[in-house]
Amino acid sequence: MEKKTILVVDDDIENARSYCEILTDLNYRVFTGGDVNAALALLQSEKVDLVITDYRMPGKTGLDFIVALRQIRPDLPVIMITAYGNIETYLRSMSLGAFEFVNKPVKKEEFERIVQHALNKKDGEIRKGKDDRGQYSYN
């Protein structure tokens, strides 16, 4: 079975490094992008199964990134992680099709669970009914 590939988009080098270490330990192939433009360029040349993006970055936000991403990869799952979470940002992220919106700091176990869920959903493994988060899924 081919390794899943995850793109981490975060301008904070320490956050990106931490996420990459966790994901690499879980046997995922990981790419990083420090800004929206670098991430979009990478998506043009690499097969990616999941995107994890920060909200606040220089130049463009994670929301700007999701809008641009939907133009080239409309079905790619996205996890938005932010230290600046508010209801407006949450609602906008979800309306753009984000799989999950996570406030920093996120515990390692929670991060791993969210990533696995996003990849399972992409693969169609979550069926109608409650998932282990207690939320209903209809895929």
N, C-alpha and C. Protein backbone atom coordinates (compact mmCIF):
# COMPACT_ATOMS: atom_id res chain seq x y z
N MET A 1 0.84 -1.18 0.00
CA MET A 1 0.00 0.00 0.00
C MET A 1 0.89 1.25 0.00
N GLU A 2 0.51 2.23 -0.80
CA GLU A 2 1.27 3.46 -0.94
C GLU A 2 1.08 4.35 0.29
N LYS A 3 2.17 4.98 0.71
CA LYS A 3 2.09 5.91 1.84
C LYS A 3 1.20 7.09 1.49
N LYS A 4 0.42 7.55 2.45
CA LYS A 4 -0.38 8.75 2.29
C LYS A 4 0.55 9.96 2.40
N THR A 5 0.23 10.98 1.64
CA THR A 5 1.04 12.19 1.62
C THR A 5 0.25 13.35 2.21
N ILE A 6 0.89 14.06 3.12
CA ILE A 6 0.26 15.18 3.81
C ILE A 6 1.09 16.44 3.60
N LEU A 7 0.41 17.53 3.28
CA LEU A 7 1.04 18.83 3.13
C LEU A 7 0.73 19.66 4.36
N VAL A 8 1.77 20.15 5.04
CA VAL A 8 1.63 21.02 6.20
C VAL A 8 2.00 22.44 5.76
N VAL A 9 1.05 23.36 5.94
CA VAL A 9 1.27 24.76 5.54
C VAL A 9 1.23 25.62 6.80
N ASP A 10 2.41 26.05 7.22
CA ASP A 10 2.52 26.85 8.44
C ASP A 10 3.80 27.66 8.37
N ASP A 11 3.70 28.95 8.60
CA ASP A 11 4.89 29.81 8.57
C ASP A 11 5.72 29.71 9.84
N ASP A 12 5.16 29.14 10.90
CA ASP A 12 5.89 28.94 12.15
C ASP A 12 6.70 27.65 12.03
N ILE A 13 8.01 27.80 11.93
CA ILE A 13 8.89 26.66 11.69
C ILE A 13 8.78 25.60 12.78
N GLU A 14 8.66 26.02 14.02
CA GLU A 14 8.56 25.05 15.12
C GLU A 14 7.26 24.25 15.05
N ASN A 15 6.15 24.92 14.76
CA ASN A 15 4.88 24.21 14.61
C ASN A 15 4.96 23.21 13.46
N ALA A 16 5.45 23.68 12.33
CA ALA A 16 5.56 22.80 11.16
C ALA A 16 6.45 21.60 11.47
N ARG A 17 7.56 21.83 12.13
CA ARG A 17 8.48 20.74 12.49
C ARG A 17 7.79 19.74 13.42
N SER A 18 7.07 20.23 14.39
CA SER A 18 6.36 19.36 15.33
C SER A 18 5.33 18.49 14.61
N TYR A 19 4.51 19.11 13.75
CA TYR A 19 3.52 18.35 13.00
C TYR A 19 4.20 17.31 12.11
N CYS A 20 5.27 17.72 11.46
CA CYS A 20 5.98 16.81 10.55
C CYS A 20 6.57 15.62 11.30
N GLU A 21 7.11 15.84 12.47
CA GLU A 21 7.66 14.73 13.27
C GLU A 21 6.57 13.74 13.63
N ILE A 22 5.44 14.23 14.08
CA ILE A 22 4.33 13.34 14.45
C ILE A 22 3.87 12.55 13.23
N LEU A 23 3.69 13.23 12.11
CA LEU A 23 3.20 12.57 10.90
C LEU A 23 4.20 11.58 10.33
N THR A 24 5.47 11.91 10.38
CA THR A 24 6.51 11.00 9.90
C THR A 24 6.57 9.76 10.78
N ASP A 25 6.44 9.94 12.08
CA ASP A 25 6.41 8.79 13.00
C ASP A 25 5.22 7.88 12.72
N LEU A 26 4.15 8.44 12.17
CA LEU A 26 2.97 7.64 11.82
C LEU A 26 3.09 7.04 10.41
N ASN A 27 4.25 7.21 9.81
CA ASN A 27 4.58 6.63 8.50
C ASN A 27 3.88 7.33 7.33
N TYR A 28 3.64 8.64 7.46
CA TYR A 28 3.13 9.41 6.35
C TYR A 28 4.29 10.10 5.65
N ARG A 29 4.10 10.37 4.37
CA ARG A 29 5.04 11.18 3.60
C ARG A 29 4.59 12.63 3.81
N VAL A 30 5.50 13.52 4.15
CA VAL A 30 5.12 14.88 4.53
C VAL A 30 5.90 15.92 3.73
N PHE A 31 5.17 16.91 3.22
CA PHE A 31 5.75 18.09 2.60
C PHE A 31 5.35 19.29 3.45
N THR A 32 6.16 20.34 3.39
CA THR A 32 5.81 21.57 4.10
C THR A 32 5.85 22.76 3.14
N GLY A 33 5.02 23.73 3.47
CA GLY A 33 5.01 24.99 2.75
C GLY A 33 4.85 26.10 3.77
N GLY A 34 5.64 27.12 3.67
CA GLY A 34 5.60 28.19 4.65
C GLY A 34 4.60 29.29 4.36
N ASP A 35 4.01 29.24 3.16
CA ASP A 35 3.00 30.24 2.82
C ASP A 35 2.06 29.67 1.76
N VAL A 36 1.02 30.39 1.48
CA VAL A 36 -0.02 29.93 0.57
C VAL A 36 0.52 29.68 -0.83
N ASN A 37 1.32 30.61 -1.35
CA ASN A 37 1.82 30.46 -2.72
C ASN A 37 2.72 29.24 -2.87
N ALA A 38 3.60 29.00 -1.90
CA ALA A 38 4.47 27.83 -1.95
C ALA A 38 3.65 26.54 -1.90
N ALA A 39 2.62 26.53 -1.07
CA ALA A 39 1.77 25.35 -0.95
C ALA A 39 1.01 25.08 -2.24
N LEU A 40 0.47 26.12 -2.84
CA LEU A 40 -0.26 25.94 -4.10
C LEU A 40 0.65 25.43 -5.21
N ALA A 41 1.87 25.94 -5.25
CA ALA A 41 2.84 25.47 -6.25
C ALA A 41 3.16 23.99 -6.03
N LEU A 42 3.33 23.60 -4.79
CA LEU A 42 3.62 22.21 -4.49
C LEU A 42 2.46 21.30 -4.89
N LEU A 43 1.25 21.75 -4.69
CA LEU A 43 0.08 20.95 -5.05
C LEU A 43 -0.04 20.73 -6.56
N GLN A 44 0.59 21.58 -7.33
CA GLN A 44 0.57 21.42 -8.78
C GLN A 44 1.47 20.26 -9.23
N SER A 45 2.46 19.95 -8.39
CA SER A 45 3.44 18.94 -8.82
C SER A 45 3.44 17.65 -8.00
N GLU A 46 2.74 17.62 -6.88
CA GLU A 46 2.76 16.45 -6.00
C GLU A 46 1.35 15.94 -5.74
N LYS A 47 1.25 14.63 -5.59
CA LYS A 47 -0.02 14.00 -5.17
C LYS A 47 -0.10 14.15 -3.65
N VAL A 48 -1.13 14.79 -3.18
CA VAL A 48 -1.31 15.04 -1.75
C VAL A 48 -2.68 14.48 -1.34
N ASP A 49 -2.72 13.80 -0.19
CA ASP A 49 -3.96 13.20 0.29
C ASP A 49 -4.67 14.04 1.35
N LEU A 50 -3.94 14.94 2.00
CA LEU A 50 -4.50 15.75 3.08
C LEU A 50 -3.65 17.01 3.23
N VAL A 51 -4.32 18.12 3.56
CA VAL A 51 -3.64 19.38 3.85
C VAL A 51 -3.95 19.79 5.27
N ILE A 52 -2.91 20.19 5.99
CA ILE A 52 -3.05 20.78 7.32
C ILE A 52 -2.51 22.19 7.21
N THR A 53 -3.36 23.18 7.49
CA THR A 53 -2.93 24.56 7.30
C THR A 53 -3.19 25.40 8.54
N ASP A 54 -2.30 26.33 8.75
CA ASP A 54 -2.47 27.34 9.78
C ASP A 54 -3.45 28.38 9.23
N TYR A 55 -4.07 29.14 10.10
CA TYR A 55 -4.96 30.21 9.67
C TYR A 55 -4.18 31.47 9.36
N ARG A 56 -3.38 31.92 10.30
CA ARG A 56 -2.69 33.20 10.16
C ARG A 56 -1.29 32.99 9.61
N MET A 57 -1.08 33.49 8.39
CA MET A 57 0.23 33.41 7.73
C MET A 57 0.49 34.73 7.03
N PRO A 58 1.74 35.00 6.68
CA PRO A 58 2.04 36.26 5.99
C PRO A 58 1.40 36.30 4.60
N GLY A 59 0.85 37.43 4.25
CA GLY A 59 0.30 37.62 2.91
C GLY A 59 -1.13 37.16 2.78
N LYS A 60 -1.36 35.86 2.89
CA LYS A 60 -2.70 35.30 2.74
C LYS A 60 -3.00 34.39 3.92
N THR A 61 -4.28 34.27 4.24
CA THR A 61 -4.68 33.44 5.37
C THR A 61 -4.94 32.00 4.92
N GLY A 62 -5.15 31.15 5.89
CA GLY A 62 -5.55 29.79 5.59
C GLY A 62 -6.88 29.74 4.85
N LEU A 63 -7.75 30.69 5.11
CA LEU A 63 -9.03 30.77 4.37
C LEU A 63 -8.78 31.09 2.90
N ASP A 64 -7.87 32.03 2.64
CA ASP A 64 -7.49 32.33 1.25
C ASP A 64 -6.94 31.08 0.57
N PHE A 65 -6.16 30.32 1.33
CA PHE A 65 -5.58 29.09 0.80
C PHE A 65 -6.67 28.08 0.43
N ILE A 66 -7.65 27.90 1.31
CA ILE A 66 -8.71 26.94 1.01
C ILE A 66 -9.48 27.36 -0.24
N VAL A 67 -9.76 28.65 -0.38
CA VAL A 67 -10.47 29.14 -1.57
C VAL A 67 -9.67 28.79 -2.83
N ALA A 68 -8.38 29.07 -2.84
CA ALA A 68 -7.54 28.76 -4.00
C ALA A 68 -7.41 27.25 -4.21
N LEU A 69 -7.28 26.52 -3.12
CA LEU A 69 -7.15 25.06 -3.19
C LEU A 69 -8.38 24.44 -3.84
N ARG A 70 -9.55 24.92 -3.50
CA ARG A 70 -10.79 24.37 -4.05
C ARG A 70 -10.87 24.51 -5.57
N GLN A 71 -10.14 25.47 -6.11
CA GLN A 71 -10.11 25.65 -7.57
C GLN A 71 -9.33 24.53 -8.26
N ILE A 72 -8.32 24.00 -7.60
CA ILE A 72 -7.48 22.97 -8.23
C ILE A 72 -7.69 21.57 -7.68
N ARG A 73 -8.09 21.46 -6.41
CA ARG A 73 -8.32 20.16 -5.78
C ARG A 73 -9.58 20.25 -4.90
N PRO A 74 -10.76 20.26 -5.49
CA PRO A 74 -11.99 20.50 -4.72
C PRO A 74 -12.30 19.46 -3.65
N ASP A 75 -11.82 18.24 -3.80
CA ASP A 75 -12.16 17.18 -2.84
C ASP A 75 -11.07 16.90 -1.81
N LEU A 76 -9.99 17.64 -1.83
CA LEU A 76 -8.88 17.39 -0.91
C LEU A 76 -9.26 17.82 0.51
N PRO A 77 -9.18 16.90 1.48
CA PRO A 77 -9.53 17.29 2.85
C PRO A 77 -8.51 18.28 3.44
N VAL A 78 -9.04 19.22 4.22
CA VAL A 78 -8.21 20.26 4.84
C VAL A 78 -8.53 20.33 6.32
N ILE A 79 -7.47 20.37 7.12
CA ILE A 79 -7.60 20.61 8.56
C ILE A 79 -7.02 22.00 8.83
N MET A 80 -7.83 22.87 9.40
CA MET A 80 -7.37 24.23 9.75
C MET A 80 -6.99 24.22 11.23
N ILE A 81 -5.76 24.67 11.52
CA ILE A 81 -5.30 24.77 12.90
C ILE A 81 -4.94 26.23 13.17
N THR A 82 -5.43 26.76 14.28
CA THR A 82 -5.19 28.17 14.56
C THR A 82 -5.12 28.48 16.05
N ALA A 83 -4.37 29.50 16.36
CA ALA A 83 -4.35 30.04 17.71
C ALA A 83 -5.31 31.23 17.80
N TYR A 84 -5.92 31.58 16.68
CA TYR A 84 -6.78 32.77 16.60
C TYR A 84 -8.20 32.38 16.24
N GLY A 85 -8.68 31.31 16.83
CA GLY A 85 -10.00 30.81 16.50
C GLY A 85 -11.11 31.69 17.04
N ASN A 86 -12.08 31.93 16.20
CA ASN A 86 -13.32 32.58 16.62
C ASN A 86 -14.44 31.98 15.79
N ILE A 87 -15.64 32.28 16.14
CA ILE A 87 -16.78 31.65 15.49
C ILE A 87 -16.86 32.00 14.00
N GLU A 88 -16.52 33.23 13.65
CA GLU A 88 -16.58 33.64 12.24
C GLU A 88 -15.58 32.84 11.40
N THR A 89 -14.36 32.69 11.91
CA THR A 89 -13.34 31.94 11.19
C THR A 89 -13.73 30.47 11.09
N TYR A 90 -14.26 29.94 12.18
CA TYR A 90 -14.73 28.55 12.18
C TYR A 90 -15.81 28.34 11.12
N LEU A 91 -16.83 29.19 11.13
CA LEU A 91 -17.94 29.04 10.18
C LEU A 91 -17.47 29.20 8.74
N ARG A 92 -16.60 30.14 8.51
CA ARG A 92 -16.08 30.35 7.14
C ARG A 92 -15.26 29.13 6.71
N SER A 93 -14.43 28.60 7.60
CA SER A 93 -13.63 27.41 7.27
C SER A 93 -14.53 26.24 6.90
N MET A 94 -15.54 26.03 7.70
CA MET A 94 -16.44 24.90 7.44
C MET A 94 -17.25 25.12 6.16
N SER A 95 -17.65 26.36 5.90
CA SER A 95 -18.41 26.63 4.67
C SER A 95 -17.56 26.42 3.42
N LEU A 96 -16.25 26.54 3.57
CA LEU A 96 -15.33 26.30 2.45
C LEU A 96 -14.96 24.82 2.34
N GLY A 97 -15.48 24.02 3.24
CA GLY A 97 -15.26 22.59 3.14
C GLY A 97 -14.13 22.04 3.98
N ALA A 98 -13.69 22.78 4.99
CA ALA A 98 -12.65 22.24 5.88
C ALA A 98 -13.20 21.00 6.58
N PHE A 99 -12.37 19.99 6.72
CA PHE A 99 -12.79 18.78 7.42
C PHE A 99 -12.91 19.04 8.92
N GLU A 100 -11.94 19.80 9.45
CA GLU A 100 -11.91 20.07 10.89
C GLU A 100 -11.26 21.42 11.13
N PHE A 101 -11.67 22.07 12.20
CA PHE A 101 -11.12 23.35 12.65
C PHE A 101 -10.61 23.12 14.06
N VAL A 102 -9.32 23.30 14.29
CA VAL A 102 -8.71 22.94 15.56
C VAL A 102 -8.02 24.16 16.16
N ASN A 103 -8.27 24.42 17.44
CA ASN A 103 -7.58 25.49 18.13
C ASN A 103 -6.27 24.99 18.72
N LYS A 104 -5.23 25.81 18.60
CA LYS A 104 -3.94 25.51 19.21
C LYS A 104 -4.03 25.85 20.68
N PRO A 105 -3.30 25.19 21.51
CA PRO A 105 -2.47 24.02 21.19
C PRO A 105 -3.33 22.78 21.07
N VAL A 106 -2.90 21.85 20.25
CA VAL A 106 -3.62 20.59 20.07
C VAL A 106 -2.73 19.47 20.61
N LYS A 107 -3.34 18.58 21.37
CA LYS A 107 -2.59 17.45 21.93
C LYS A 107 -2.24 16.47 20.82
N LYS A 108 -1.12 15.82 20.98
CA LYS A 108 -0.62 14.88 19.98
C LYS A 108 -1.66 13.82 19.63
N GLU A 109 -2.28 13.23 20.63
CA GLU A 109 -3.26 12.17 20.40
C GLU A 109 -4.46 12.69 19.62
N GLU A 110 -4.91 13.88 19.95
CA GLU A 110 -6.03 14.49 19.25
C GLU A 110 -5.65 14.79 17.79
N PHE A 111 -4.46 15.32 17.60
CA PHE A 111 -3.95 15.61 16.26
C PHE A 111 -3.92 14.34 15.41
N GLU A 112 -3.37 13.27 15.98
CA GLU A 112 -3.29 11.99 15.26
C GLU A 112 -4.68 11.48 14.89
N ARG A 113 -5.62 11.57 15.81
CA ARG A 113 -6.98 11.09 15.57
C ARG A 113 -7.67 11.89 14.45
N ILE A 114 -7.50 13.20 14.48
CA ILE A 114 -8.12 14.05 13.46
C ILE A 114 -7.53 13.75 12.08
N VAL A 115 -6.22 13.59 12.02
CA VAL A 115 -5.56 13.27 10.75
C VAL A 115 -6.09 11.95 10.21
N GLN A 116 -6.14 10.94 11.06
CA GLN A 116 -6.63 9.63 10.62
C GLN A 116 -8.07 9.70 10.13
N HIS A 117 -8.90 10.45 10.84
CA HIS A 117 -10.30 10.61 10.42
C HIS A 117 -10.39 11.28 9.05
N ALA A 118 -9.60 12.31 8.84
CA ALA A 118 -9.64 13.02 7.57
C ALA A 118 -9.22 12.10 6.43
N LEU A 119 -8.20 11.30 6.65
CA LEU A 119 -7.75 10.37 5.61
C LEU A 119 -8.76 9.26 5.39
N ASN A 120 -9.39 8.78 6.45
CA ASN A 120 -10.42 7.76 6.31
C ASN A 120 -11.61 8.29 5.53
N LYS A 121 -11.99 9.53 5.83
CA LYS A 121 -13.11 10.12 5.11
C LYS A 121 -12.78 10.24 3.63
N LYS A 122 -11.57 10.65 3.33
CA LYS A 122 -11.16 10.76 1.93
C LYS A 122 -11.26 9.40 1.25
N ASP A 123 -10.93 8.35 1.97
CA ASP A 123 -10.97 7.00 1.41
C ASP A 123 -12.36 6.38 1.48
N GLY A 124 -13.34 7.12 2.04
CA GLY A 124 -14.70 6.63 2.09
C GLY A 124 -14.96 5.59 3.16
N GLU A 125 -14.12 5.58 4.22
CA GLU A 125 -14.26 4.57 5.25
C GLU A 125 -15.23 4.95 6.35
N ILE A 126 -15.63 6.21 6.42
CA ILE A 126 -16.60 6.62 7.42
C ILE A 126 -17.98 6.49 6.79
N ARG A 127 -18.85 5.75 7.41
CA ARG A 127 -20.18 5.47 6.89
C ARG A 127 -21.23 6.25 7.67
N LYS A 128 -22.45 6.24 7.14
CA LYS A 128 -23.54 6.93 7.81
C LYS A 128 -23.69 6.43 9.23
N GLY A 129 -23.80 7.35 10.16
CA GLY A 129 -23.93 7.01 11.57
C GLY A 129 -22.94 7.85 12.37
N LYS A 130 -22.92 7.63 13.65
CA LYS A 130 -22.02 8.39 14.50
C LYS A 130 -20.60 7.87 14.35
N ASP A 131 -19.65 8.81 14.22
CA ASP A 131 -18.24 8.41 14.21
C ASP A 131 -17.76 8.44 15.66
N ASP A 132 -16.48 8.17 15.89
CA ASP A 132 -16.03 8.08 17.28
C ASP A 132 -15.89 9.44 17.96
N ARG A 133 -16.20 10.52 17.25
CA ARG A 133 -16.27 11.84 17.87
C ARG A 133 -17.68 12.13 18.32
N GLY A 134 -18.62 11.19 18.01
CA GLY A 134 -20.01 11.42 18.37
C GLY A 134 -20.75 12.30 17.39
N GLN A 135 -20.11 12.58 16.23
CA GLN A 135 -20.75 13.40 15.22
C GLN A 135 -21.31 12.51 14.13
N TYR A 136 -22.33 13.00 13.47
CA TYR A 136 -22.93 12.22 12.39
C TYR A 136 -22.19 12.48 11.09
N SER A 137 -22.00 11.40 10.35
CA SER A 137 -21.37 11.47 9.05
C SER A 137 -22.28 10.77 8.04
N TYR A 138 -22.36 11.30 6.85
CA TYR A 138 -23.24 10.73 5.85
C TYR A 138 -22.49 10.34 4.59
N ASN A 139 -21.23 10.01 4.71
CA ASN A 139 -20.43 9.58 3.56
C ASN A 139 -20.36 8.08 3.50
